[in-house]
Amino acid sequence: MANLLVIDDEGDIRHLYAAELEDEGHTVVTCGNSQEALERMRHQNFDLVVLDIQLDQESGLDLLQKIAKEQEDIPVILCTAYSCYKDDFSSWLADAYVVKSSNLDDLKKEVRRILAQH
């Protein structure tokens, strides 16, 4: 199906997202920080990025701006535990905004929707 990049500083979340999205038929690469993610994106093509906002070293919103500059054609889904960032204008660069939950149906739905559009 698609080649996805999941960026989250929590290893358990990365593992869960990878397992669930791979069950949907996608190939999933995970990264724990922005530096690793940017390096991967420079050497590998991705169809979609799932990005957490709260990262250890750098805000996911800052990383979103870098992705938009360097890889403007790659859609990004912001996936965070905080709904308050949805009103932050810097989050508007993302193609979708999903609030984290143990139920990944919303995330999977947005992945399908965005991939269908691209």
PDB file of N, CA and C in Angstrom:
ATOM      1  N   MET A   1       0.822  -1.179   0.000  1.00  0.00           N
ATOM      2  CA  MET A   1       0.000   0.000   0.000  1.00  0.00           C
ATOM      3  C   MET A   1       0.877   1.258   0.000  1.00  0.00           C
ATOM      4  N   ALA A   2       1.250   1.751   1.211  1.00  0.00           N
ATOM      5  CA  ALA A   2       2.007   3.002   1.281  1.00  0.00           C
ATOM      6  C   ALA A   2       3.188   2.855   2.226  1.00  0.00           C
ATOM      7  N   ASN A   3       4.156   3.740   2.031  1.00  0.00           N
ATOM      8  CA  ASN A   3       5.346   3.788   2.870  1.00  0.00           C
ATOM      9  C   ASN A   3       5.166   4.940   3.858  1.00  0.00           C
ATOM     10  N   LEU A   4       5.024   4.623   5.155  1.00  0.00           N
ATOM     11  CA  LEU A   4       4.717   5.615   6.176  1.00  0.00           C
ATOM     12  C   LEU A   4       5.884   5.825   7.122  1.00  0.00           C
ATOM     13  N   LEU A   5       6.010   7.055   7.611  1.00  0.00           N
ATOM     14  CA  LEU A   5       7.000   7.391   8.638  1.00  0.00           C
ATOM     15  C   LEU A   5       6.242   7.846   9.880  1.00  0.00           C
ATOM     16  N   VAL A   6       6.500   7.185  11.005  1.00  0.00           N
ATOM     17  CA  VAL A   6       5.897   7.541  12.286  1.00  0.00           C
ATOM     18  C   VAL A   6       6.981   8.149  13.164  1.00  0.00           C
ATOM     19  N   ILE A   7       6.735   9.383  13.649  1.00  0.00           N
ATOM     20  CA  ILE A   7       7.708  10.089  14.483  1.00  0.00           C
ATOM     21  C   ILE A   7       7.063  10.353  15.837  1.00  0.00           C
ATOM     22  N   ASP A   8       7.592   9.699  16.861  1.00  0.00           N
ATOM     23  CA  ASP A   8       7.080   9.861  18.225  1.00  0.00           C
ATOM     24  C   ASP A   8       8.212   9.516  19.184  1.00  0.00           C
ATOM     25  N   ASP A   9       8.343  10.273  20.274  1.00  0.00           N
ATOM     26  CA  ASP A   9       9.429  10.016  21.211  1.00  0.00           C
ATOM     27  C   ASP A   9       9.134   8.848  22.153  1.00  0.00           C
ATOM     28  N   GLU A  10       7.909   8.365  22.176  1.00  0.00           N
ATOM     29  CA  GLU A  10       7.551   7.238  23.040  1.00  0.00           C
ATOM     30  C   GLU A  10       7.631   5.925  22.256  1.00  0.00           C
ATOM     31  N   GLY A  11       8.534   5.055  22.695  1.00  0.00           N
ATOM     32  CA  GLY A  11       8.743   3.787  22.007  1.00  0.00           C
ATOM     33  C   GLY A  11       7.505   2.913  21.930  1.00  0.00           C
ATOM     34  N   ASP A  12       6.705   2.882  22.995  1.00  0.00           N
ATOM     35  CA  ASP A  12       5.490   2.062  22.991  1.00  0.00           C
ATOM     36  C   ASP A  12       4.495   2.555  21.943  1.00  0.00           C
ATOM     37  N   ILE A  13       4.402   3.862  21.802  1.00  0.00           N
ATOM     38  CA  ILE A  13       3.494   4.438  20.799  1.00  0.00           C
ATOM     39  C   ILE A  13       3.989   4.098  19.395  1.00  0.00           C
ATOM     40  N   ARG A  14       5.292   4.250  19.171  1.00  0.00           N
ATOM     41  CA  ARG A  14       5.853   3.910  17.855  1.00  0.00           C
ATOM     42  C   ARG A  14       5.541   2.457  17.506  1.00  0.00           C
ATOM     43  N   HIS A  15       5.747   1.569  18.469  1.00  0.00           N
ATOM     44  CA  HIS A  15       5.511   0.136  18.242  1.00  0.00           C
ATOM     45  C   HIS A  15       4.034  -0.132  17.941  1.00  0.00           C
ATOM     46  N   LEU A  16       3.130   0.468  18.723  1.00  0.00           N
ATOM     47  CA  LEU A  16       1.694   0.290  18.515  1.00  0.00           C
ATOM     48  C   LEU A  16       1.268   0.799  17.143  1.00  0.00           C
ATOM     49  N   TYR A  17       1.679   2.009  16.798  1.00  0.00           N
ATOM     50  CA  TYR A  17       1.300   2.576  15.502  1.00  0.00           C
ATOM     51  C   TYR A  17       1.841   1.727  14.354  1.00  0.00           C
ATOM     52  N   ALA A  18       3.090   1.299  14.478  1.00  0.00           N
ATOM     53  CA  ALA A  18       3.694   0.479  13.422  1.00  0.00           C
ATOM     54  C   ALA A  18       2.902  -0.819  13.249  1.00  0.00           C
ATOM     55  N   ALA A  19       2.600  -1.492  14.344  1.00  0.00           N
ATOM     56  CA  ALA A  19       1.870  -2.760  14.263  1.00  0.00           C
ATOM     57  C   ALA A  19       0.494  -2.568  13.638  1.00  0.00           C
ATOM     58  N   GLU A  20      -0.231  -1.547  14.087  1.00  0.00           N
ATOM     59  CA  GLU A  20      -1.590  -1.308  13.583  1.00  0.00           C
ATOM     60  C   GLU A  20      -1.588  -0.883  12.110  1.00  0.00           C
ATOM     61  N   LEU A  21      -0.655  -0.027  11.735  1.00  0.00           N
ATOM     62  CA  LEU A  21      -0.610   0.443  10.352  1.00  0.00           C
ATOM     63  C   LEU A  21      -0.067  -0.627   9.411  1.00  0.00           C
ATOM     64  N   GLU A  22       0.828  -1.475   9.909  1.00  0.00           N
ATOM     65  CA  GLU A  22       1.292  -2.599   9.102  1.00  0.00           C
ATOM     66  C   GLU A  22       0.158  -3.599   8.879  1.00  0.00           C
ATOM     67  N   ASP A  23      -0.716  -3.762   9.879  1.00  0.00           N
ATOM     68  CA  ASP A  23      -1.890  -4.622   9.711  1.00  0.00           C
ATOM     69  C   ASP A  23      -2.816  -4.096   8.619  1.00  0.00           C
ATOM     70  N   GLU A  24      -2.743  -2.799   8.360  1.00  0.00           N
ATOM     71  CA  GLU A  24      -3.530  -2.182   7.286  1.00  0.00           C
ATOM     72  C   GLU A  24      -2.856  -2.371   5.922  1.00  0.00           C
ATOM     73  N   GLY A  25      -1.664  -2.983   5.916  1.00  0.00           N
ATOM     74  CA  GLY A  25      -0.965  -3.258   4.670  1.00  0.00           C
ATOM     75  C   GLY A  25       0.147  -2.289   4.319  1.00  0.00           C
ATOM     76  N   HIS A  26       0.462  -1.360   5.220  1.00  0.00           N
ATOM     77  CA  HIS A  26       1.490  -0.358   4.945  1.00  0.00           C
ATOM     78  C   HIS A  26       2.863  -0.813   5.423  1.00  0.00           C
ATOM     79  N   THR A  27       3.878  -0.243   4.835  1.00  0.00           N
ATOM     80  CA  THR A  27       5.236  -0.378   5.332  1.00  0.00           C
ATOM     81  C   THR A  27       5.467   0.807   6.263  1.00  0.00           C
ATOM     82  N   VAL A  28       5.974   0.548   7.469  1.00  0.00           N
ATOM     83  CA  VAL A  28       6.116   1.607   8.459  1.00  0.00           C
ATOM     84  C   VAL A  28       7.553   1.675   8.958  1.00  0.00           C
ATOM     85  N   VAL A  29       8.106   2.886   8.927  1.00  0.00           N
ATOM     86  CA  VAL A  29       9.411   3.187   9.518  1.00  0.00           C
ATOM     87  C   VAL A  29       9.132   4.107  10.693  1.00  0.00           C
ATOM     88  N   THR A  30       9.810   3.882  11.817  1.00  0.00           N
ATOM     89  CA  THR A  30       9.592   4.732  12.986  1.00  0.00           C
ATOM     90  C   THR A  30      10.874   5.460  13.370  1.00  0.00           C
ATOM     91  N   CYS A  31      10.693   6.659  13.918  1.00  0.00           N
ATOM     92  CA  CYS A  31      11.804   7.470  14.419  1.00  0.00           C
ATOM     93  C   CYS A  31      11.402   8.064  15.761  1.00  0.00           C
ATOM     94  N   GLY A  32      12.389   8.215  16.644  1.00  0.00           N
ATOM     95  CA  GLY A  32      12.116   8.742  17.971  1.00  0.00           C
ATOM     96  C   GLY A  32      12.406  10.214  18.150  1.00  0.00           C
ATOM     97  N   ASN A  33      13.030  10.841  17.138  1.00  0.00           N
ATOM     98  CA  ASN A  33      13.328  12.273  17.274  1.00  0.00           C
ATOM     99  C   ASN A  33      13.382  12.931  15.900  1.00  0.00           C
ATOM    100  N   SER A  34      13.416  14.247  15.916  1.00  0.00           N
ATOM    101  CA  SER A  34      13.345  15.004  14.667  1.00  0.00           C
ATOM    102  C   SER A  34      14.593  14.840  13.807  1.00  0.00           C
ATOM    103  N   GLN A  35      15.747  14.783  14.429  1.00  0.00           N
ATOM    104  CA  GLN A  35      16.997  14.637  13.675  1.00  0.00           C
ATOM    105  C   GLN A  35      17.000  13.342  12.869  1.00  0.00           C
ATOM    106  N   GLU A  36      16.655  12.259  13.539  1.00  0.00           N
ATOM    107  CA  GLU A  36      16.587  10.947  12.880  1.00  0.00           C
ATOM    108  C   GLU A  36      15.538  10.972  11.763  1.00  0.00           C
ATOM    109  N   ALA A  37      14.408  11.610  12.018  1.00  0.00           N
ATOM    110  CA  ALA A  37      13.338  11.662  11.026  1.00  0.00           C
ATOM    111  C   ALA A  37      13.772  12.424   9.771  1.00  0.00           C
ATOM    112  N   LEU A  38      14.397  13.581   9.956  1.00  0.00           N
ATOM    113  CA  LEU A  38      14.843  14.367   8.802  1.00  0.00           C
ATOM    114  C   LEU A  38      15.887  13.600   8.000  1.00  0.00           C
ATOM    115  N   GLU A  39      16.767  12.910   8.680  1.00  0.00           N
ATOM    116  CA  GLU A  39      17.790  12.112   7.993  1.00  0.00           C
ATOM    117  C   GLU A  39      17.135  10.999   7.168  1.00  0.00           C
ATOM    118  N   ARG A  40      16.179  10.317   7.743  1.00  0.00           N
ATOM    119  CA  ARG A  40      15.456   9.262   7.026  1.00  0.00           C
ATOM    120  C   ARG A  40      14.745   9.821   5.802  1.00  0.00           C
ATOM    121  N   MET A  41      14.124  10.982   5.974  1.00  0.00           N
ATOM    122  CA  MET A  41      13.366  11.580   4.876  1.00  0.00           C
ATOM    123  C   MET A  41      14.261  12.028   3.729  1.00  0.00           C
ATOM    124  N   ARG A  42      15.501  12.317   4.026  1.00  0.00           N
ATOM    125  CA  ARG A  42      16.442  12.723   2.977  1.00  0.00           C
ATOM    126  C   ARG A  42      16.921  11.531   2.150  1.00  0.00           C
ATOM    127  N   HIS A  43      16.796  10.316   2.716  1.00  0.00           N
ATOM    128  CA  HIS A  43      17.327   9.125   2.052  1.00  0.00           C
ATOM    129  C   HIS A  43      16.268   8.108   1.654  1.00  0.00           C
ATOM    130  N   GLN A  44      15.031   8.363   2.016  1.00  0.00           N
ATOM    131  CA  GLN A  44      13.970   7.411   1.725  1.00  0.00           C
ATOM    132  C   GLN A  44      12.698   8.183   1.397  1.00  0.00           C
ATOM    133  N   ASN A  45      11.922   7.654   0.462  1.00  0.00           N
ATOM    134  CA  ASN A  45      10.670   8.299   0.078  1.00  0.00           C
ATOM    135  C   ASN A  45       9.524   7.773   0.930  1.00  0.00           C
ATOM    136  N   PHE A  46       8.710   8.686   1.430  1.00  0.00           N
ATOM    137  CA  PHE A  46       7.545   8.327   2.216  1.00  0.00           C
ATOM    138  C   PHE A  46       6.299   8.921   1.575  1.00  0.00           C
ATOM    139  N   ASP A  47       5.200   8.196   1.729  1.00  0.00           N
ATOM    140  CA  ASP A  47       3.925   8.649   1.203  1.00  0.00           C
ATOM    141  C   ASP A  47       3.155   9.481   2.219  1.00  0.00           C
ATOM    142  N   LEU A  48       3.495   9.322   3.497  1.00  0.00           N
ATOM    143  CA  LEU A  48       2.760   9.996   4.568  1.00  0.00           C
ATOM    144  C   LEU A  48       3.597   9.964   5.842  1.00  0.00           C
ATOM    145  N   VAL A  49       3.481  11.044   6.635  1.00  0.00           N
ATOM    146  CA  VAL A  49       4.156  11.132   7.930  1.00  0.00           C
ATOM    147  C   VAL A  49       3.108  11.270   9.027  1.00  0.00           C
ATOM    148  N   VAL A  50       3.265  10.489  10.093  1.00  0.00           N
ATOM    149  CA  VAL A  50       2.451  10.633  11.300  1.00  0.00           C
ATOM    150  C   VAL A  50       3.380  11.219  12.350  1.00  0.00           C
ATOM    151  N   LEU A  51       3.051  12.404  12.850  1.00  0.00           N
ATOM    152  CA  LEU A  51       3.966  13.185  13.677  1.00  0.00           C
ATOM    153  C   LEU A  51       3.350  13.566  15.016  1.00  0.00           C
ATOM    154  N   ASP A  52       4.060  13.259  16.093  1.00  0.00           N
ATOM    155  CA  ASP A  52       3.665  13.702  17.429  1.00  0.00           C
ATOM    156  C   ASP A  52       4.107  15.153  17.610  1.00  0.00           C
ATOM    157  N   ILE A  53       3.382  15.917  18.401  1.00  0.00           N
ATOM    158  CA  ILE A  53       3.764  17.313  18.638  1.00  0.00           C
ATOM    159  C   ILE A  53       4.793  17.417  19.762  1.00  0.00           C
ATOM    160  N   GLN A  54       4.643  16.627  20.796  1.00  0.00           N
ATOM    161  CA  GLN A  54       5.562  16.686  21.937  1.00  0.00           C
ATOM    162  C   GLN A  54       6.721  15.711  21.731  1.00  0.00           C
ATOM    163  N   LEU A  55       7.828  16.222  21.219  1.00  0.00           N
ATOM    164  CA  LEU A  55       9.038  15.428  21.047  1.00  0.00           C
ATOM    165  C   LEU A  55      10.072  15.881  22.076  1.00  0.00           C
ATOM    166  N   ASP A  56      11.044  15.025  22.374  1.00  0.00           N
ATOM    167  CA  ASP A  56      12.050  15.359  23.384  1.00  0.00           C
ATOM    168  C   ASP A  56      12.888  16.582  23.031  1.00  0.00           C
ATOM    169  N   GLN A  57      13.495  16.568  21.851  1.00  0.00           N
ATOM    170  CA  GLN A  57      14.486  17.581  21.513  1.00  0.00           C
ATOM    171  C   GLN A  57      13.902  18.818  20.832  1.00  0.00           C
ATOM    172  N   GLU A  58      12.822  18.636  20.130  1.00  0.00           N
ATOM    173  CA  GLU A  58      12.271  19.716  19.322  1.00  0.00           C
ATOM    174  C   GLU A  58      10.761  19.525  19.226  1.00  0.00           C
ATOM    175  N   SER A  59      10.042  20.594  19.153  1.00  0.00           N
ATOM    176  CA  SER A  59       8.599  20.520  18.997  1.00  0.00           C
ATOM    177  C   SER A  59       8.249  19.897  17.645  1.00  0.00           C
ATOM    178  N   GLY A  60       7.218  19.070  17.654  1.00  0.00           N
ATOM    179  CA  GLY A  60       6.732  18.510  16.405  1.00  0.00           C
ATOM    180  C   GLY A  60       6.243  19.590  15.451  1.00  0.00           C
ATOM    181  N   LEU A  61       5.776  20.717  16.005  1.00  0.00           N
ATOM    182  CA  LEU A  61       5.347  21.831  15.150  1.00  0.00           C
ATOM    183  C   LEU A  61       6.536  22.456  14.430  1.00  0.00           C
ATOM    184  N   ASP A  62       7.684  22.528  15.107  1.00  0.00           N
ATOM    185  CA  ASP A  62       8.904  23.010  14.446  1.00  0.00           C
ATOM    186  C   ASP A  62       9.337  22.045  13.353  1.00  0.00           C
ATOM    187  N   LEU A  63       9.261  20.761  13.665  1.00  0.00           N
ATOM    188  CA  LEU A  63       9.615  19.749  12.666  1.00  0.00           C
ATOM    189  C   LEU A  63       8.651  19.806  11.481  1.00  0.00           C
ATOM    190  N   LEU A  64       7.381  20.027  11.743  1.00  0.00           N
ATOM    191  CA  LEU A  64       6.387  20.148  10.677  1.00  0.00           C
ATOM    192  C   LEU A  64       6.779  21.265   9.700  1.00  0.00           C
ATOM    193  N   GLN A  65       7.258  22.383  10.218  1.00  0.00           N
ATOM    194  CA  GLN A  65       7.688  23.483   9.352  1.00  0.00           C
ATOM    195  C   GLN A  65       8.881  23.078   8.495  1.00  0.00           C
ATOM    196  N   LYS A  66       9.815  22.332   9.072  1.00  0.00           N
ATOM    197  CA  LYS A  66      10.976  21.865   8.298  1.00  0.00           C
ATOM    198  C   LYS A  66      10.545  20.890   7.204  1.00  0.00           C
ATOM    199  N   ILE A  67       9.630  19.989   7.557  1.00  0.00           N
ATOM    200  CA  ILE A  67       9.130  19.028   6.563  1.00  0.00           C
ATOM    201  C   ILE A  67       8.441  19.775   5.429  1.00  0.00           C
ATOM    202  N   ALA A  68       7.639  20.770   5.778  1.00  0.00           N
ATOM    203  CA  ALA A  68       6.926  21.543   4.755  1.00  0.00           C
ATOM    204  C   ALA A  68       7.901  22.248   3.810  1.00  0.00           C
ATOM    205  N   LYS A  69       9.044  22.687   4.328  1.00  0.00           N
ATOM    206  CA  LYS A  69      10.041  23.363   3.482  1.00  0.00           C
ATOM    207  C   LYS A  69      10.826  22.375   2.629  1.00  0.00           C
ATOM    208  N   GLU A  70      11.247  21.272   3.240  1.00  0.00           N
ATOM    209  CA  GLU A  70      12.127  20.319   2.550  1.00  0.00           C
ATOM    210  C   GLU A  70      11.372  19.285   1.719  1.00  0.00           C
ATOM    211  N   GLN A  71      10.198  18.887   2.168  1.00  0.00           N
ATOM    212  CA  GLN A  71       9.455  17.800   1.529  1.00  0.00           C
ATOM    213  C   GLN A  71       7.991  18.218   1.367  1.00  0.00           C
ATOM    214  N   GLU A  72       7.766  19.319   0.703  1.00  0.00           N
ATOM    215  CA  GLU A  72       6.437  19.937   0.691  1.00  0.00           C
ATOM    216  C   GLU A  72       5.327  19.061   0.140  1.00  0.00           C
ATOM    217  N   ASP A  73       5.666  18.021  -0.611  1.00  0.00           N
ATOM    218  CA  ASP A  73       4.623  17.180  -1.200  1.00  0.00           C
ATOM    219  C   ASP A  73       4.226  15.999  -0.324  1.00  0.00           C
ATOM    220  N   ILE A  74       4.856  15.826   0.836  1.00  0.00           N
ATOM    221  CA  ILE A  74       4.528  14.718   1.725  1.00  0.00           C
ATOM    222  C   ILE A  74       3.454  15.164   2.722  1.00  0.00           C
ATOM    223  N   PRO A  75       2.305  14.490   2.720  1.00  0.00           N
ATOM    224  CA  PRO A  75       1.269  14.847   3.690  1.00  0.00           C
ATOM    225  C   PRO A  75       1.671  14.436   5.109  1.00  0.00           C
ATOM    226  N   VAL A  76       1.204  15.220   6.084  1.00  0.00           N
ATOM    227  CA  VAL A  76       1.541  14.986   7.488  1.00  0.00           C
ATOM    228  C   VAL A  76       0.258  14.961   8.313  1.00  0.00           C
ATOM    229  N   ILE A  77       0.162  13.953   9.178  1.00  0.00           N
ATOM    230  CA  ILE A  77      -0.911  13.888  10.169  1.00  0.00           C
ATOM    231  C   ILE A  77      -0.281  14.185  11.522  1.00  0.00           C
ATOM    232  N   LEU A  78      -0.756  15.231  12.190  1.00  0.00           N
ATOM    233  CA  LEU A  78      -0.337  15.492  13.560  1.00  0.00           C
ATOM    234  C   LEU A  78      -1.166  14.595  14.463  1.00  0.00           C
ATOM    235  N   CYS A  79      -0.488  13.879  15.336  1.00  0.00           N
ATOM    236  CA  CYS A  79      -1.163  12.963  16.241  1.00  0.00           C
ATOM    237  C   CYS A  79      -0.631  13.240  17.640  1.00  0.00           C
ATOM    238  N   THR A  80      -1.465  13.832  18.479  1.00  0.00           N
ATOM    239  CA  THR A  80      -1.007  14.288  19.775  1.00  0.00           C
ATOM    240  C   THR A  80      -2.054  14.032  20.850  1.00  0.00           C
ATOM    241  N   ALA A  81      -1.605  14.022  22.083  1.00  0.00           N
ATOM    242  CA  ALA A  81      -2.524  13.839  23.212  1.00  0.00           C
ATOM    243  C   ALA A  81      -3.237  15.140  23.558  1.00  0.00           C
ATOM    244  N   TYR A  82      -2.829  16.239  22.956  1.00  0.00           N
ATOM    245  CA  TYR A  82      -3.343  17.563  23.321  1.00  0.00           C
ATOM    246  C   TYR A  82      -4.179  18.159  22.204  1.00  0.00           C
ATOM    247  N   SER A  83      -5.454  18.335  22.456  1.00  0.00           N
ATOM    248  CA  SER A  83      -6.318  18.925  21.432  1.00  0.00           C
ATOM    249  C   SER A  83      -6.109  20.433  21.302  1.00  0.00           C
ATOM    250  N   CYS A  84      -5.489  21.063  22.304  1.00  0.00           N
ATOM    251  CA  CYS A  84      -5.321  22.525  22.289  1.00  0.00           C
ATOM    252  C   CYS A  84      -4.447  23.013  21.135  1.00  0.00           C
ATOM    253  N   TYR A  85      -3.561  22.186  20.611  1.00  0.00           N
ATOM    254  CA  TYR A  85      -2.686  22.614  19.518  1.00  0.00           C
ATOM    255  C   TYR A  85      -3.434  22.754  18.203  1.00  0.00           C
ATOM    256  N   LYS A  86      -4.641  22.229  18.138  1.00  0.00           N
ATOM    257  CA  LYS A  86      -5.418  22.325  16.905  1.00  0.00           C
ATOM    258  C   LYS A  86      -5.687  23.775  16.526  1.00  0.00           C
ATOM    259  N   ASP A  87      -5.750  24.660  17.529  1.00  0.00           N
ATOM    260  CA  ASP A  87      -5.987  26.075  17.282  1.00  0.00           C
ATOM    261  C   ASP A  87      -4.707  26.853  16.996  1.00  0.00           C
ATOM    262  N   ASP A  88      -3.558  26.234  17.166  1.00  0.00           N
ATOM    263  CA  ASP A  88      -2.268  26.870  16.894  1.00  0.00           C
ATOM    264  C   ASP A  88      -2.082  26.945  15.379  1.00  0.00           C
ATOM    265  N   PHE A  89      -1.918  28.141  14.854  1.00  0.00           N
ATOM    266  CA  PHE A  89      -1.854  28.281  13.396  1.00  0.00           C
ATOM    267  C   PHE A  89      -0.724  27.474  12.769  1.00  0.00           C
ATOM    268  N   SER A  90       0.345  27.196  13.501  1.00  0.00           N
ATOM    269  CA  SER A  90       1.437  26.410  12.923  1.00  0.00           C
ATOM    270  C   SER A  90       1.026  24.956  12.684  1.00  0.00           C
ATOM    271  N   SER A  91      -0.033  24.493  13.339  1.00  0.00           N
ATOM    272  CA  SER A  91      -0.505  23.125  13.099  1.00  0.00           C
ATOM    273  C   SER A  91      -1.297  23.040  11.790  1.00  0.00           C
ATOM    274  N   TRP A  92      -1.668  24.178  11.239  1.00  0.00           N
ATOM    275  CA  TRP A  92      -2.472  24.187  10.021  1.00  0.00           C
ATOM    276  C   TRP A  92      -1.689  23.727   8.796  1.00  0.00           C
ATOM    277  N   LEU A  93      -0.378  23.608   8.924  1.00  0.00           N
ATOM    278  CA  LEU A  93       0.421  23.064   7.824  1.00  0.00           C
ATOM    279  C   LEU A  93       0.144  21.572   7.626  1.00  0.00           C
ATOM    280  N   ALA A  94      -0.365  20.931   8.665  1.00  0.00           N
ATOM    281  CA  ALA A  94      -0.647  19.494   8.597  1.00  0.00           C
ATOM    282  C   ALA A  94      -1.897  19.224   7.776  1.00  0.00           C
ATOM    283  N   ASP A  95      -1.950  18.037   7.220  1.00  0.00           N
ATOM    284  CA  ASP A  95      -3.106  17.629   6.422  1.00  0.00           C
ATOM    285  C   ASP A  95      -4.248  17.111   7.292  1.00  0.00           C
ATOM    286  N   ALA A  96      -3.914  16.705   8.516  1.00  0.00           N
ATOM    287  CA  ALA A  96      -4.935  16.228   9.455  1.00  0.00           C
ATOM    288  C   ALA A  96      -4.396  16.354  10.871  1.00  0.00           C
ATOM    289  N   TYR A  97      -5.319  16.339  11.817  1.00  0.00           N
ATOM    290  CA  TYR A  97      -4.989  16.474  13.238  1.00  0.00           C
ATOM    291  C   TYR A  97      -5.814  15.430  13.985  1.00  0.00           C
ATOM    292  N   VAL A  98      -5.125  14.514  14.659  1.00  0.00           N
ATOM    293  CA  VAL A  98      -5.796  13.438  15.377  1.00  0.00           C
ATOM    294  C   VAL A  98      -5.346  13.468  16.826  1.00  0.00           C
ATOM    295  N   VAL A  99      -6.305  13.389  17.745  1.00  0.00           N
ATOM    296  CA  VAL A  99      -5.971  13.313  19.169  1.00  0.00           C
ATOM    297  C   VAL A  99      -5.691  11.854  19.504  1.00  0.00           C
ATOM    298  N   LYS A 100      -4.557  11.605  20.161  1.00  0.00           N
ATOM    299  CA  LYS A 100      -4.139  10.245  20.515  1.00  0.00           C
ATOM    300  C   LYS A 100      -5.198   9.554  21.356  1.00  0.00           C
ATOM    301  N   SER A 101      -5.322   8.276  21.092  1.00  0.00           N
ATOM    302  CA  SER A 101      -6.266   7.439  21.818  1.00  0.00           C
ATOM    303  C   SER A 101      -5.768   6.000  21.730  1.00  0.00           C
ATOM    304  N   SER A 102      -6.215   5.164  22.653  1.00  0.00           N
ATOM    305  CA  SER A 102      -5.857   3.747  22.566  1.00  0.00           C
ATOM    306  C   SER A 102      -6.572   3.086  21.387  1.00  0.00           C
ATOM    307  N   ASN A 103      -7.646   3.714  20.910  1.00  0.00           N
ATOM    308  CA  ASN A 103      -8.361   3.253  19.733  1.00  0.00           C
ATOM    309  C   ASN A 103      -7.811   4.031  18.533  1.00  0.00           C
ATOM    310  N   LEU A 104      -7.205   3.334  17.603  1.00  0.00           N
ATOM    311  CA  LEU A 104      -6.548   3.995  16.472  1.00  0.00           C
ATOM    312  C   LEU A 104      -7.442   4.143  15.242  1.00  0.00           C
ATOM    313  N   ASP A 105      -8.741   3.960  15.407  1.00  0.00           N
ATOM    314  CA  ASP A 105      -9.650   4.062  14.263  1.00  0.00           C
ATOM    315  C   ASP A 105      -9.590   5.427  13.589  1.00  0.00           C
ATOM    316  N   ASP A 106      -9.554   6.512  14.378  1.00  0.00           N
ATOM    317  CA  ASP A 106      -9.492   7.855  13.783  1.00  0.00           C
ATOM    318  C   ASP A 106      -8.205   8.047  12.987  1.00  0.00           C
ATOM    319  N   LEU A 107      -7.090   7.581  13.534  1.00  0.00           N
ATOM    320  CA  LEU A 107      -5.815   7.702  12.837  1.00  0.00           C
ATOM    321  C   LEU A 107      -5.852   6.910  11.532  1.00  0.00           C
ATOM    322  N   LYS A 108      -6.314   5.683  11.590  1.00  0.00           N
ATOM    323  CA  LYS A 108      -6.369   4.846  10.387  1.00  0.00           C
ATOM    324  C   LYS A 108      -7.304   5.458   9.333  1.00  0.00           C
ATOM    325  N   LYS A 109      -8.405   6.025   9.782  1.00  0.00           N
ATOM    326  CA  LYS A 109      -9.345   6.669   8.864  1.00  0.00           C
ATOM    327  C   LYS A 109      -8.675   7.844   8.145  1.00  0.00           C
ATOM    328  N   GLU A 110      -7.919   8.654   8.892  1.00  0.00           N
ATOM    329  CA  GLU A 110      -7.241   9.798   8.280  1.00  0.00           C
ATOM    330  C   GLU A 110      -6.127   9.336   7.346  1.00  0.00           C
ATOM    331  N   VAL A 111      -5.424   8.284   7.694  1.00  0.00           N
ATOM    332  CA  VAL A 111      -4.392   7.735   6.811  1.00  0.00           C
ATOM    333  C   VAL A 111      -5.033   7.316   5.486  1.00  0.00           C
ATOM    334  N   ARG A 112      -6.122   6.573   5.553  1.00  0.00           N
ATOM    335  CA  ARG A 112      -6.812   6.140   4.337  1.00  0.00           C
ATOM    336  C   ARG A 112      -7.301   7.332   3.507  1.00  0.00           C
ATOM    337  N   ARG A 113      -7.897   8.311   4.184  1.00  0.00           N
ATOM    338  CA  ARG A 113      -8.431   9.481   3.478  1.00  0.00           C
ATOM    339  C   ARG A 113      -7.331  10.250   2.748  1.00  0.00           C
ATOM    340  N   ILE A 114      -6.244  10.498   3.450  1.00  0.00           N
ATOM    341  CA  ILE A 114      -5.163  11.296   2.850  1.00  0.00           C
ATOM    342  C   ILE A 114      -4.481  10.538   1.729  1.00  0.00           C
ATOM    343  N   LEU A 115      -4.237   9.256   1.914  1.00  0.00           N
ATOM    344  CA  LEU A 115      -3.596   8.473   0.870  1.00  0.00           C
ATOM    345  C   LEU A 115      -4.497   8.394  -0.379  1.00  0.00           C
ATOM    346  N   ALA A 116      -5.802   8.350  -0.182  1.00  0.00           N
ATOM    347  CA  ALA A 116      -6.728   8.323  -1.321  1.00  0.00           C
ATOM    348  C   ALA A 116      -6.675   9.629  -2.113  1.00  0.00           C
ATOM    349  N   GLN A 117      -6.405  10.739  -1.414  1.00  0.00           N
ATOM    350  CA  GLN A 117      -6.335  12.040  -2.077  1.00  0.00           C
ATOM    351  C   GLN A 117      -5.026  12.251  -2.838  1.00  0.00           C
ATOM    352  N   HIS A 118      -3.991  11.537  -2.441  1.00  0.00           N
ATOM    353  CA  HIS A 118      -2.673  11.763  -3.056  1.00  0.00           C
ATOM    354  C   HIS A 118      -2.394  10.678  -4.058  1.00  0.00           C
TER     355      HIS A 118
END
